[in-house]
Amino acid sequence: MSTSKTKKSKTVAKSGRGRPRSPETRAKILKAAYEMLNEVGFMDLTIEGVAVRAEVGKPTIYRRWKTKAALAMDAFLDAVNPELAFPDTGEASEDFREQMQKIVRLMNSPRGDVLASVIGCGQADEELIAAFRENWLTPRREDAKRVFQRGVDRGELKEGIDAEIAIDALYSPLFYRLLLKHQPLTKDFVDRLVDVVMNGLIVNSELNN
């Protein structure tokens, strides 16, 4: 093959379809979307606005996210996921208490409105709610199960805990208050909630009463 043909082939390979998407571009788009979510909220967020801020074309965004809601959710999760990791304090109750306090601080910030919007929009968007479960709900539930198992392994928690029900008992009230806003989300509420739920799971918990 001639040198000129080889150069041409390399040029086509560089610029042709199927080249890998740039992680830097994805990061710029997510950062722009998250900034706009906090500034204007979900309802006023637009793909056009994100494209301008990220300095990319709209097709670049639509190749990665089919809908505004999907982009908003990914931007939100990309920003908050690192904040919500479980600690390992050596005591399961305190692990849950600290992690739930982190969630409450997030819910009480402007990002709580973003989270509520994503959940609300997901009720009419199967793709969005499936992505929410995959990226937010499932990873956190798996982390919570590991916290329960650590507690069992230490002899702190009872054997045979139904982790699915226990997780629902701990976290559902937070989302109930976030979405219905009938009562405030406070540190004291989290403390009392953890005490009520975990008291039934701790070995010889009756001795602490």
N, C-alpha and C. Protein backbone atom coordinates (compact mmCIF):
# COMPACT_ATOMS: atom_id res chain seq x y z
N MET A 1 0.86 -1.20 0.00
CA MET A 1 0.00 0.00 0.00
C MET A 1 0.88 1.24 0.00
N SER A 2 0.50 2.26 -0.77
CA SER A 2 1.32 3.46 -0.86
C SER A 2 1.26 4.25 0.43
N THR A 3 2.29 5.14 0.59
CA THR A 3 2.33 5.98 1.79
C THR A 3 1.12 6.88 1.86
N SER A 4 0.70 7.43 0.71
CA SER A 4 -0.45 8.34 0.71
C SER A 4 -1.72 7.63 1.12
N LYS A 5 -1.89 6.36 0.68
CA LYS A 5 -3.08 5.62 1.07
C LYS A 5 -3.06 5.29 2.56
N THR A 6 -1.86 4.98 3.06
CA THR A 6 -1.74 4.67 4.49
C THR A 6 -2.11 5.87 5.34
N LYS A 7 -1.65 7.06 4.93
CA LYS A 7 -1.99 8.29 5.66
C LYS A 7 -3.49 8.54 5.61
N LYS A 8 -4.07 8.31 4.42
CA LYS A 8 -5.50 8.53 4.28
C LYS A 8 -6.30 7.59 5.18
N SER A 9 -5.84 6.32 5.25
CA SER A 9 -6.53 5.35 6.09
C SER A 9 -6.48 5.76 7.55
N LYS A 10 -5.30 6.28 7.97
CA LYS A 10 -5.16 6.72 9.36
C LYS A 10 -6.08 7.90 9.64
N THR A 11 -6.20 8.79 8.66
CA THR A 11 -7.08 9.95 8.83
C THR A 11 -8.52 9.52 8.99
N VAL A 12 -8.96 8.56 8.15
CA VAL A 12 -10.32 8.07 8.23
C VAL A 12 -10.56 7.38 9.57
N ALA A 13 -9.56 6.61 10.02
CA ALA A 13 -9.70 5.91 11.31
C ALA A 13 -9.84 6.88 12.45
N LYS A 14 -9.14 8.03 12.34
CA LYS A 14 -9.21 9.02 13.42
C LYS A 14 -10.56 9.72 13.45
N SER A 15 -11.08 10.06 12.27
CA SER A 15 -12.26 10.91 12.23
C SER A 15 -13.53 10.15 11.93
N GLY A 16 -13.43 8.84 11.67
CA GLY A 16 -14.61 8.09 11.30
C GLY A 16 -15.51 7.79 12.46
N ARG A 17 -16.68 7.20 12.13
CA ARG A 17 -17.63 6.81 13.16
C ARG A 17 -17.05 5.70 14.01
N GLY A 18 -17.55 5.62 15.22
CA GLY A 18 -17.11 4.55 16.09
C GLY A 18 -15.92 4.89 16.95
N ARG A 19 -15.40 6.12 16.83
CA ARG A 19 -14.27 6.48 17.69
C ARG A 19 -14.77 6.61 19.12
N PRO A 20 -13.93 6.36 20.10
CA PRO A 20 -14.36 6.41 21.50
C PRO A 20 -14.79 7.81 21.91
N ARG A 21 -15.82 7.86 22.74
CA ARG A 21 -16.30 9.15 23.23
C ARG A 21 -15.33 9.69 24.28
N SER A 22 -15.17 10.99 24.28
CA SER A 22 -14.20 11.63 25.16
C SER A 22 -14.73 11.72 26.58
N PRO A 23 -14.00 11.18 27.56
CA PRO A 23 -14.40 11.33 28.97
C PRO A 23 -14.41 12.79 29.39
N GLU A 24 -13.51 13.58 28.81
CA GLU A 24 -13.45 15.01 29.15
C GLU A 24 -14.73 15.72 28.70
N THR A 25 -15.22 15.36 27.51
CA THR A 25 -16.45 15.96 27.01
C THR A 25 -17.63 15.59 27.90
N ARG A 26 -17.70 14.31 28.28
CA ARG A 26 -18.78 13.86 29.16
C ARG A 26 -18.74 14.62 30.48
N ALA A 27 -17.55 14.78 31.04
CA ALA A 27 -17.41 15.49 32.30
C ALA A 27 -17.85 16.94 32.18
N LYS A 28 -17.50 17.60 31.06
CA LYS A 28 -17.91 18.99 30.84
C LYS A 28 -19.42 19.11 30.76
N ILE A 29 -20.05 18.16 30.07
CA ILE A 29 -21.51 18.20 29.93
C ILE A 29 -22.19 17.99 31.28
N LEU A 30 -21.71 17.00 32.03
CA LEU A 30 -22.32 16.73 33.34
C LEU A 30 -22.13 17.91 34.29
N LYS A 31 -20.97 18.53 34.26
CA LYS A 31 -20.71 19.68 35.12
C LYS A 31 -21.64 20.84 34.75
N ALA A 32 -21.79 21.08 33.45
CA ALA A 32 -22.67 22.16 33.00
C ALA A 32 -24.12 21.89 33.39
N ALA A 33 -24.56 20.64 33.21
CA ALA A 33 -25.93 20.29 33.54
C ALA A 33 -26.19 20.43 35.04
N TYR A 34 -25.23 20.00 35.84
CA TYR A 34 -25.41 20.09 37.29
C TYR A 34 -25.44 21.54 37.75
N GLU A 35 -24.58 22.37 37.20
CA GLU A 35 -24.59 23.79 37.55
C GLU A 35 -25.94 24.42 37.21
N MET A 36 -26.48 24.07 36.05
CA MET A 36 -27.76 24.65 35.64
C MET A 36 -28.91 24.11 36.46
N LEU A 37 -28.83 22.84 36.87
CA LEU A 37 -29.87 22.29 37.74
C LEU A 37 -29.97 23.09 39.03
N ASN A 38 -28.83 23.45 39.58
CA ASN A 38 -28.82 24.22 40.82
C ASN A 38 -29.24 25.66 40.61
N GLU A 39 -29.00 26.19 39.42
CA GLU A 39 -29.32 27.60 39.15
C GLU A 39 -30.77 27.79 38.74
N VAL A 40 -31.27 26.94 37.86
CA VAL A 40 -32.61 27.18 37.29
C VAL A 40 -33.60 26.08 37.61
N GLY A 41 -33.13 24.95 38.16
CA GLY A 41 -34.04 23.86 38.46
C GLY A 41 -34.27 22.96 37.26
N PHE A 42 -34.93 21.84 37.52
CA PHE A 42 -35.14 20.85 36.47
C PHE A 42 -36.06 21.35 35.37
N MET A 43 -37.15 22.00 35.74
CA MET A 43 -38.15 22.38 34.76
C MET A 43 -37.59 23.35 33.72
N ASP A 44 -36.69 24.23 34.14
CA ASP A 44 -36.15 25.23 33.21
C ASP A 44 -34.82 24.82 32.60
N LEU A 45 -34.35 23.65 32.95
CA LEU A 45 -33.13 23.14 32.33
C LEU A 45 -33.41 22.80 30.86
N THR A 46 -32.50 23.17 29.97
CA THR A 46 -32.65 22.84 28.56
C THR A 46 -31.36 22.24 28.02
N ILE A 47 -31.52 21.36 27.05
CA ILE A 47 -30.35 20.79 26.39
C ILE A 47 -29.56 21.89 25.70
N GLU A 48 -30.28 22.86 25.12
CA GLU A 48 -29.61 23.97 24.44
C GLU A 48 -28.72 24.74 25.41
N GLY A 49 -29.25 24.99 26.60
CA GLY A 49 -28.49 25.73 27.60
C GLY A 49 -27.26 24.97 28.06
N VAL A 50 -27.42 23.66 28.25
CA VAL A 50 -26.28 22.84 28.66
C VAL A 50 -25.23 22.82 27.57
N ALA A 51 -25.67 22.72 26.32
CA ALA A 51 -24.73 22.68 25.20
C ALA A 51 -23.90 23.95 25.13
N VAL A 52 -24.57 25.09 25.32
CA VAL A 52 -23.86 26.37 25.27
C VAL A 52 -22.83 26.45 26.39
N ARG A 53 -23.25 26.08 27.61
CA ARG A 53 -22.34 26.18 28.74
C ARG A 53 -21.17 25.21 28.61
N ALA A 54 -21.44 24.01 28.12
CA ALA A 54 -20.39 23.00 27.98
C ALA A 54 -19.56 23.19 26.72
N GLU A 55 -20.01 24.13 25.88
CA GLU A 55 -19.31 24.41 24.62
C GLU A 55 -19.24 23.17 23.73
N VAL A 56 -20.39 22.51 23.59
CA VAL A 56 -20.51 21.37 22.69
C VAL A 56 -21.79 21.54 21.88
N GLY A 57 -21.93 20.77 20.83
CA GLY A 57 -23.15 20.79 20.05
C GLY A 57 -24.23 19.94 20.69
N LYS A 58 -25.49 20.25 20.41
CA LYS A 58 -26.59 19.44 20.94
C LYS A 58 -26.49 17.97 20.53
N PRO A 59 -26.08 17.67 19.28
CA PRO A 59 -25.95 16.25 18.92
C PRO A 59 -24.97 15.49 19.81
N THR A 60 -23.93 16.18 20.28
CA THR A 60 -22.96 15.54 21.17
C THR A 60 -23.64 15.09 22.46
N ILE A 61 -24.58 15.89 22.95
CA ILE A 61 -25.32 15.53 24.17
C ILE A 61 -26.30 14.41 23.88
N TYR A 62 -27.05 14.54 22.77
CA TYR A 62 -28.08 13.54 22.47
C TYR A 62 -27.49 12.18 22.13
N ARG A 63 -26.24 12.13 21.72
CA ARG A 63 -25.61 10.83 21.49
C ARG A 63 -25.40 10.07 22.79
N ARG A 64 -25.33 10.80 23.89
CA ARG A 64 -25.07 10.19 25.20
C ARG A 64 -26.33 10.06 26.03
N TRP A 65 -27.24 11.01 25.92
CA TRP A 65 -28.47 11.00 26.71
C TRP A 65 -29.66 11.26 25.79
N LYS A 66 -30.64 10.39 25.85
CA LYS A 66 -31.80 10.51 24.97
C LYS A 66 -32.75 11.62 25.40
N THR A 67 -32.79 11.89 26.71
CA THR A 67 -33.73 12.87 27.23
C THR A 67 -33.06 13.82 28.21
N LYS A 68 -33.71 14.94 28.42
CA LYS A 68 -33.24 15.90 29.41
C LYS A 68 -33.23 15.27 30.80
N ALA A 69 -34.26 14.49 31.10
CA ALA A 69 -34.35 13.88 32.42
C ALA A 69 -33.19 12.92 32.68
N ALA A 70 -32.83 12.14 31.67
CA ALA A 70 -31.71 11.21 31.84
C ALA A 70 -30.41 11.97 32.08
N LEU A 71 -30.21 13.05 31.35
CA LEU A 71 -29.02 13.87 31.54
C LEU A 71 -29.01 14.47 32.94
N ALA A 72 -30.15 15.00 33.37
CA ALA A 72 -30.24 15.61 34.69
C ALA A 72 -29.91 14.62 35.80
N MET A 73 -30.44 13.41 35.66
CA MET A 73 -30.19 12.41 36.69
C MET A 73 -28.71 12.02 36.74
N ASP A 74 -28.11 11.82 35.58
CA ASP A 74 -26.70 11.45 35.56
C ASP A 74 -25.83 12.57 36.13
N ALA A 75 -26.18 13.80 35.80
CA ALA A 75 -25.42 14.94 36.32
C ALA A 75 -25.54 15.02 37.83
N PHE A 76 -26.73 14.80 38.33
CA PHE A 76 -26.96 14.84 39.77
C PHE A 76 -26.18 13.73 40.48
N LEU A 77 -26.29 12.51 39.97
CA LEU A 77 -25.62 11.38 40.60
C LEU A 77 -24.11 11.51 40.53
N ASP A 78 -23.61 12.01 39.41
CA ASP A 78 -22.17 12.17 39.27
C ASP A 78 -21.62 13.13 40.32
N ALA A 79 -22.43 14.13 40.67
CA ALA A 79 -21.98 15.13 41.63
C ALA A 79 -22.12 14.66 43.08
N VAL A 80 -23.20 13.93 43.39
CA VAL A 80 -23.47 13.64 44.80
C VAL A 80 -23.00 12.26 45.26
N ASN A 81 -22.81 11.33 44.34
CA ASN A 81 -22.44 9.97 44.76
C ASN A 81 -21.24 9.93 45.71
N PRO A 82 -20.15 10.68 45.43
CA PRO A 82 -19.00 10.61 46.33
C PRO A 82 -19.30 11.08 47.75
N GLU A 83 -20.33 11.90 47.92
CA GLU A 83 -20.64 12.45 49.24
C GLU A 83 -21.37 11.46 50.14
N LEU A 84 -21.99 10.44 49.56
CA LEU A 84 -22.95 9.64 50.30
C LEU A 84 -22.44 8.25 50.69
N ALA A 85 -21.14 8.07 50.65
CA ALA A 85 -20.58 6.76 51.00
C ALA A 85 -20.81 6.45 52.48
N PHE A 86 -20.96 5.16 52.77
CA PHE A 86 -21.09 4.73 54.15
C PHE A 86 -19.74 4.80 54.86
N PRO A 87 -19.73 5.26 56.10
CA PRO A 87 -18.51 5.17 56.90
C PRO A 87 -18.38 3.76 57.47
N ASP A 88 -17.29 3.50 58.14
CA ASP A 88 -17.14 2.24 58.89
C ASP A 88 -16.67 2.63 60.28
N THR A 89 -17.64 2.92 61.15
CA THR A 89 -17.33 3.40 62.49
C THR A 89 -17.05 2.27 63.47
N GLY A 90 -17.33 1.03 63.04
CA GLY A 90 -17.20 -0.10 63.95
C GLY A 90 -18.52 -0.47 64.59
N GLU A 91 -19.58 0.27 64.28
CA GLU A 91 -20.91 -0.01 64.83
C GLU A 91 -21.94 0.27 63.74
N ALA A 92 -22.75 -0.72 63.42
CA ALA A 92 -23.70 -0.60 62.31
C ALA A 92 -24.66 0.57 62.50
N SER A 93 -25.18 0.74 63.71
CA SER A 93 -26.13 1.82 63.95
C SER A 93 -25.53 3.18 63.64
N GLU A 94 -24.27 3.36 64.01
CA GLU A 94 -23.61 4.64 63.75
C GLU A 94 -23.28 4.80 62.28
N ASP A 95 -22.97 3.69 61.59
CA ASP A 95 -22.75 3.78 60.15
C ASP A 95 -24.00 4.31 59.45
N PHE A 96 -25.15 3.74 59.82
CA PHE A 96 -26.40 4.20 59.21
C PHE A 96 -26.72 5.63 59.63
N ARG A 97 -26.51 5.94 60.89
CA ARG A 97 -26.83 7.28 61.38
C ARG A 97 -26.04 8.34 60.59
N GLU A 98 -24.74 8.13 60.44
CA GLU A 98 -23.91 9.11 59.75
C GLU A 98 -24.26 9.21 58.28
N GLN A 99 -24.50 8.07 57.63
CA GLN A 99 -24.82 8.11 56.21
C GLN A 99 -26.19 8.74 55.96
N MET A 100 -27.15 8.46 56.81
CA MET A 100 -28.48 9.05 56.67
C MET A 100 -28.45 10.55 56.93
N GLN A 101 -27.58 10.99 57.84
CA GLN A 101 -27.44 12.43 58.06
C GLN A 101 -26.90 13.11 56.80
N LYS A 102 -26.00 12.43 56.09
CA LYS A 102 -25.50 12.98 54.83
C LYS A 102 -26.63 13.14 53.83
N ILE A 103 -27.50 12.14 53.74
CA ILE A 103 -28.62 12.20 52.81
C ILE A 103 -29.57 13.33 53.18
N VAL A 104 -29.82 13.49 54.47
CA VAL A 104 -30.72 14.56 54.91
C VAL A 104 -30.14 15.94 54.59
N ARG A 105 -28.84 16.11 54.78
CA ARG A 105 -28.22 17.39 54.41
C ARG A 105 -28.38 17.65 52.92
N LEU A 106 -28.23 16.62 52.14
CA LEU A 106 -28.43 16.78 50.69
C LEU A 106 -29.88 17.13 50.38
N MET A 107 -30.81 16.42 51.01
CA MET A 107 -32.23 16.67 50.76
C MET A 107 -32.65 18.07 51.18
N ASN A 108 -32.01 18.61 52.19
CA ASN A 108 -32.36 19.95 52.67
C ASN A 108 -31.66 21.05 51.88
N SER A 109 -30.79 20.68 50.97
CA SER A 109 -30.12 21.66 50.11
C SER A 109 -30.93 21.81 48.82
N PRO A 110 -30.57 22.74 47.94
CA PRO A 110 -31.28 22.85 46.65
C PRO A 110 -31.25 21.56 45.85
N ARG A 111 -30.28 20.71 46.14
CA ARG A 111 -30.20 19.45 45.41
C ARG A 111 -31.33 18.51 45.79
N GLY A 112 -31.96 18.74 46.94
CA GLY A 112 -33.12 17.93 47.31
C GLY A 112 -34.26 18.13 46.33
N ASP A 113 -34.44 19.36 45.84
CA ASP A 113 -35.47 19.61 44.84
C ASP A 113 -35.16 18.88 43.53
N VAL A 114 -33.88 18.82 43.19
CA VAL A 114 -33.48 18.09 41.98
C VAL A 114 -33.80 16.61 42.14
N LEU A 115 -33.47 16.05 43.30
CA LEU A 115 -33.75 14.65 43.57
C LEU A 115 -35.25 14.37 43.50
N ALA A 116 -36.05 15.24 44.11
CA ALA A 116 -37.50 15.06 44.08
C ALA A 116 -38.03 15.14 42.65
N SER A 117 -37.47 16.04 41.84
CA SER A 117 -37.90 16.17 40.45
C SER A 117 -37.58 14.92 39.64
N VAL A 118 -36.40 14.38 39.86
CA VAL A 118 -36.01 13.16 39.15
C VAL A 118 -36.96 12.01 39.50
N ILE A 119 -37.26 11.86 40.78
CA ILE A 119 -38.19 10.81 41.20
C ILE A 119 -39.57 11.05 40.62
N GLY A 120 -40.03 12.31 40.66
CA GLY A 120 -41.35 12.63 40.12
C GLY A 120 -41.45 12.37 38.63
N CYS A 121 -40.46 12.81 37.89
CA CYS A 121 -40.47 12.59 36.43
C CYS A 121 -40.36 11.12 36.10
N GLY A 122 -39.69 10.37 36.96
CA GLY A 122 -39.53 8.95 36.71
C GLY A 122 -40.83 8.17 36.77
N GLN A 123 -41.85 8.74 37.40
CA GLN A 123 -43.13 8.03 37.46
C GLN A 123 -43.79 7.92 36.09
N ALA A 124 -43.41 8.82 35.18
CA ALA A 124 -43.97 8.79 33.83
C ALA A 124 -42.92 8.43 32.78
N ASP A 125 -41.73 8.08 33.23
CA ASP A 125 -40.63 7.78 32.31
C ASP A 125 -39.95 6.51 32.79
N GLU A 126 -40.29 5.37 32.17
CA GLU A 126 -39.77 4.09 32.63
C GLU A 126 -38.25 4.02 32.52
N GLU A 127 -37.70 4.62 31.47
CA GLU A 127 -36.26 4.60 31.29
C GLU A 127 -35.56 5.37 32.40
N LEU A 128 -36.11 6.50 32.76
CA LEU A 128 -35.51 7.33 33.80
C LEU A 128 -35.56 6.63 35.16
N ILE A 129 -36.72 6.08 35.52
CA ILE A 129 -36.83 5.46 36.84
C ILE A 129 -35.98 4.19 36.90
N ALA A 130 -35.84 3.49 35.78
CA ALA A 130 -34.97 2.31 35.75
C ALA A 130 -33.52 2.73 35.97
N ALA A 131 -33.12 3.83 35.34
CA ALA A 131 -31.76 4.33 35.52
C ALA A 131 -31.55 4.82 36.95
N PHE A 132 -32.57 5.41 37.53
CA PHE A 132 -32.48 5.87 38.92
C PHE A 132 -32.28 4.68 39.85
N ARG A 133 -33.04 3.62 39.61
CA ARG A 133 -32.88 2.43 40.45
C ARG A 133 -31.48 1.85 40.29
N GLU A 134 -31.01 1.80 39.04
CA GLU A 134 -29.71 1.18 38.78
C GLU A 134 -28.56 1.99 39.35
N ASN A 135 -28.64 3.31 39.23
CA ASN A 135 -27.50 4.16 39.58
C ASN A 135 -27.55 4.73 40.99
N TRP A 136 -28.75 4.89 41.54
CA TRP A 136 -28.88 5.45 42.88
C TRP A 136 -29.31 4.38 43.87
N LEU A 137 -30.45 3.77 43.61
CA LEU A 137 -31.08 2.92 44.61
C LEU A 137 -30.30 1.62 44.86
N THR A 138 -30.05 0.86 43.81
CA THR A 138 -29.42 -0.45 43.97
C THR A 138 -28.03 -0.37 44.60
N PRO A 139 -27.15 0.51 44.15
CA PRO A 139 -25.82 0.57 44.78
C PRO A 139 -25.89 0.88 46.28
N ARG A 140 -26.80 1.77 46.66
CA ARG A 140 -26.90 2.14 48.08
C ARG A 140 -27.50 1.00 48.90
N ARG A 141 -28.43 0.28 48.32
CA ARG A 141 -28.99 -0.85 49.05
C ARG A 141 -27.94 -1.95 49.24
N GLU A 142 -27.11 -2.16 48.23
CA GLU A 142 -26.05 -3.15 48.36
C GLU A 142 -25.04 -2.73 49.44
N ASP A 143 -24.72 -1.44 49.47
CA ASP A 143 -23.82 -0.94 50.51
C ASP A 143 -24.44 -1.14 51.89
N ALA A 144 -25.74 -0.87 52.01
CA ALA A 144 -26.42 -1.02 53.29
C ALA A 144 -26.42 -2.48 53.74
N LYS A 145 -26.60 -3.40 52.80
CA LYS A 145 -26.57 -4.82 53.15
C LYS A 145 -25.21 -5.21 53.70
N ARG A 146 -24.16 -4.63 53.14
CA ARG A 146 -22.82 -4.92 53.65
C ARG A 146 -22.64 -4.39 55.07
N VAL A 147 -23.26 -3.25 55.37
CA VAL A 147 -23.19 -2.71 56.73
C VAL A 147 -23.88 -3.66 57.70
N PHE A 148 -25.05 -4.16 57.32
CA PHE A 148 -25.75 -5.13 58.16
C PHE A 148 -24.89 -6.38 58.38
N GLN A 149 -24.26 -6.86 57.30
CA GLN A 149 -23.46 -8.07 57.42
C GLN A 149 -22.27 -7.86 58.33
N ARG A 150 -21.65 -6.68 58.25
CA ARG A 150 -20.54 -6.39 59.17
C ARG A 150 -21.01 -6.46 60.61
N GLY A 151 -22.20 -5.91 60.85
CA GLY A 151 -22.74 -5.94 62.20
C GLY A 151 -23.01 -7.34 62.69
N VAL A 152 -23.53 -8.20 61.79
CA VAL A 152 -23.77 -9.60 62.15
C VAL A 152 -22.45 -10.30 62.42
N ASP A 153 -21.47 -10.08 61.56
CA ASP A 153 -20.17 -10.73 61.71
C ASP A 153 -19.48 -10.34 63.02
N ARG A 154 -19.73 -9.11 63.48
CA ARG A 154 -19.12 -8.66 64.74
C ARG A 154 -19.90 -9.16 65.96
N GLY A 155 -21.05 -9.79 65.72
CA GLY A 155 -21.88 -10.23 66.83
C GLY A 155 -22.71 -9.12 67.42
N GLU A 156 -22.75 -7.99 66.70
CA GLU A 156 -23.50 -6.83 67.18
C GLU A 156 -24.97 -6.92 66.82
N LEU A 157 -25.28 -7.44 65.62
CA LEU A 157 -26.65 -7.54 65.13
C LEU A 157 -27.10 -8.99 65.09
N LYS A 158 -28.40 -9.19 65.17
CA LYS A 158 -28.97 -10.53 65.17
C LYS A 158 -28.77 -11.22 63.83
N GLU A 159 -28.65 -12.52 63.87
CA GLU A 159 -28.60 -13.32 62.65
C GLU A 159 -29.98 -13.29 61.98
N GLY A 160 -29.98 -13.49 60.67
CA GLY A 160 -31.24 -13.63 59.94
C GLY A 160 -32.00 -12.34 59.72
N ILE A 161 -31.31 -11.21 59.74
CA ILE A 161 -31.98 -9.93 59.49
C ILE A 161 -32.52 -9.91 58.06
N ASP A 162 -33.76 -9.47 57.90
CA ASP A 162 -34.31 -9.24 56.56
C ASP A 162 -33.84 -7.86 56.12
N ALA A 163 -32.72 -7.83 55.42
CA ALA A 163 -32.09 -6.55 55.09
C ALA A 163 -32.97 -5.68 54.20
N GLU A 164 -33.71 -6.30 53.29
CA GLU A 164 -34.57 -5.52 52.39
C GLU A 164 -35.60 -4.71 53.18
N ILE A 165 -36.25 -5.37 54.13
CA ILE A 165 -37.26 -4.68 54.94
C ILE A 165 -36.61 -3.66 55.86
N ALA A 166 -35.46 -4.01 56.43
CA ALA A 166 -34.78 -3.08 57.33
C ALA A 166 -34.34 -1.82 56.59
N ILE A 167 -33.86 -1.97 55.37
CA ILE A 167 -33.45 -0.81 54.57
C ILE A 167 -34.64 0.07 54.27
N ASP A 168 -35.76 -0.56 53.89
CA ASP A 168 -36.98 0.22 53.63
C ASP A 168 -37.42 0.97 54.90
N ALA A 169 -37.33 0.30 56.03
CA ALA A 169 -37.75 0.92 57.28
C ALA A 169 -36.89 2.14 57.62
N LEU A 170 -35.60 2.07 57.30
CA LEU A 170 -34.69 3.18 57.61
C LEU A 170 -34.84 4.34 56.63
N TYR A 171 -34.92 4.04 55.35
CA TYR A 171 -34.79 5.10 54.34
C TYR A 171 -36.11 5.62 53.78
N SER A 172 -37.15 4.79 53.78
CA SER A 172 -38.41 5.26 53.20
C SER A 172 -38.94 6.53 53.87
N PRO A 173 -38.85 6.65 55.21
CA PRO A 173 -39.35 7.88 55.84
C PRO A 173 -38.63 9.15 55.35
N LEU A 174 -37.37 9.04 54.96
CA LEU A 174 -36.66 10.21 54.46
C LEU A 174 -37.27 10.68 53.15
N PHE A 175 -37.53 9.74 52.25
CA PHE A 175 -38.10 10.11 50.96
C PHE A 175 -39.56 10.52 51.11
N TYR A 176 -40.25 9.95 52.07
CA TYR A 176 -41.64 10.33 52.36
C TYR A 176 -41.70 11.81 52.73
N ARG A 177 -40.80 12.23 53.60
CA ARG A 177 -40.78 13.64 54.01
C ARG A 177 -40.25 14.54 52.91
N LEU A 178 -39.30 14.04 52.12
CA LEU A 178 -38.79 14.84 51.00
C LEU A 178 -39.89 15.15 50.00
N LEU A 179 -40.68 14.14 49.66
CA LEU A 179 -41.67 14.30 48.59
C LEU A 179 -42.96 14.96 49.07
N LEU A 180 -43.41 14.64 50.26
CA LEU A 180 -44.69 15.18 50.74
C LEU A 180 -44.53 16.44 51.58
N LYS A 181 -43.34 16.62 52.16
CA LYS A 181 -43.01 17.83 52.92
C LYS A 181 -44.01 18.10 54.04
N HIS A 182 -44.54 17.04 54.61
CA HIS A 182 -45.50 17.22 55.70
C HIS A 182 -44.81 17.46 57.03
N GLN A 183 -43.54 17.04 57.12
CA GLN A 183 -42.73 17.24 58.32
C GLN A 183 -41.30 17.53 57.87
N PRO A 184 -40.54 18.25 58.69
CA PRO A 184 -39.16 18.58 58.29
C PRO A 184 -38.22 17.38 58.40
N LEU A 185 -37.17 17.42 57.63
CA LEU A 185 -36.09 16.45 57.71
C LEU A 185 -35.02 17.05 58.60
N THR A 186 -34.86 16.49 59.79
CA THR A 186 -33.93 17.06 60.77
C THR A 186 -32.96 15.99 61.28
N LYS A 187 -31.90 16.46 61.91
CA LYS A 187 -30.94 15.54 62.52
C LYS A 187 -31.61 14.73 63.62
N ASP A 188 -32.46 15.36 64.40
CA ASP A 188 -33.15 14.67 65.48
C ASP A 188 -34.06 13.57 64.92
N PHE A 189 -34.71 13.85 63.81
CA PHE A 189 -35.57 12.84 63.19
C PHE A 189 -34.76 11.62 62.79
N VAL A 190 -33.60 11.84 62.19
CA VAL A 190 -32.74 10.72 61.80
C VAL A 190 -32.29 9.94 63.03
N ASP A 191 -31.89 10.64 64.06
CA ASP A 191 -31.43 9.95 65.28
C ASP A 191 -32.53 9.06 65.85
N ARG A 192 -33.73 9.59 65.94
CA ARG A 192 -34.83 8.80 66.50
C ARG A 192 -35.22 7.65 65.60
N LEU A 193 -35.19 7.88 64.29
CA LEU A 193 -35.52 6.84 63.33
C LEU A 193 -34.53 5.68 63.41
N VAL A 194 -33.25 6.00 63.45
CA VAL A 194 -32.22 4.96 63.55
C VAL A 194 -32.38 4.19 64.85
N ASP A 195 -32.64 4.90 65.94
CA ASP A 195 -32.80 4.22 67.23
C ASP A 195 -33.98 3.25 67.20
N VAL A 196 -35.10 3.68 66.64
CA VAL A 196 -36.30 2.84 66.62
C VAL A 196 -36.07 1.59 65.79
N VAL A 197 -35.53 1.76 64.59
CA VAL A 197 -35.36 0.62 63.68
C VAL A 197 -34.25 -0.31 64.18
N MET A 198 -33.10 0.25 64.52
CA MET A 198 -31.96 -0.59 64.87
C MET A 198 -32.11 -1.25 66.23
N ASN A 199 -32.92 -0.69 67.10
CA ASN A 199 -33.11 -1.27 68.43
C ASN A 199 -33.64 -2.70 68.33
N GLY A 200 -34.46 -2.96 67.30
CA GLY A 200 -35.00 -4.30 67.13
C GLY A 200 -34.04 -5.27 66.49
N LEU A 201 -32.90 -4.80 66.05
CA LEU A 201 -31.94 -5.66 65.34
C LEU A 201 -30.68 -5.93 66.15
N ILE A 202 -30.49 -5.16 67.22
CA ILE A 202 -29.27 -5.30 68.00
C ILE A 202 -29.38 -6.48 68.97
N VAL A 203 -28.34 -7.26 69.08
CA VAL A 203 -28.30 -8.39 69.99
C VAL A 203 -28.44 -7.88 71.43
N ASN A 204 -29.37 -8.50 72.18
CA ASN A 204 -29.61 -8.12 73.58
C ASN A 204 -29.95 -6.63 73.72
N SER A 205 -30.68 -6.10 72.73
CA SER A 205 -31.01 -4.67 72.78
C SER A 205 -31.90 -4.34 73.97
N GLU A 206 -32.64 -5.36 74.45
CA GLU A 206 -33.49 -5.08 75.61
C GLU A 206 -32.69 -4.69 76.83
N LEU A 207 -31.41 -5.10 76.87
CA LEU A 207 -30.58 -4.74 78.02
C LEU A 207 -30.22 -3.26 78.02
N ASN A 208 -30.38 -2.61 76.83
CA ASN A 208 -30.04 -1.19 76.73
C ASN A 208 -31.21 -0.28 77.04
N ASN A 209 -32.39 -0.88 77.28
CA ASN A 209 -33.57 -0.04 77.51
C ASN A 209 -33.71 0.33 78.99
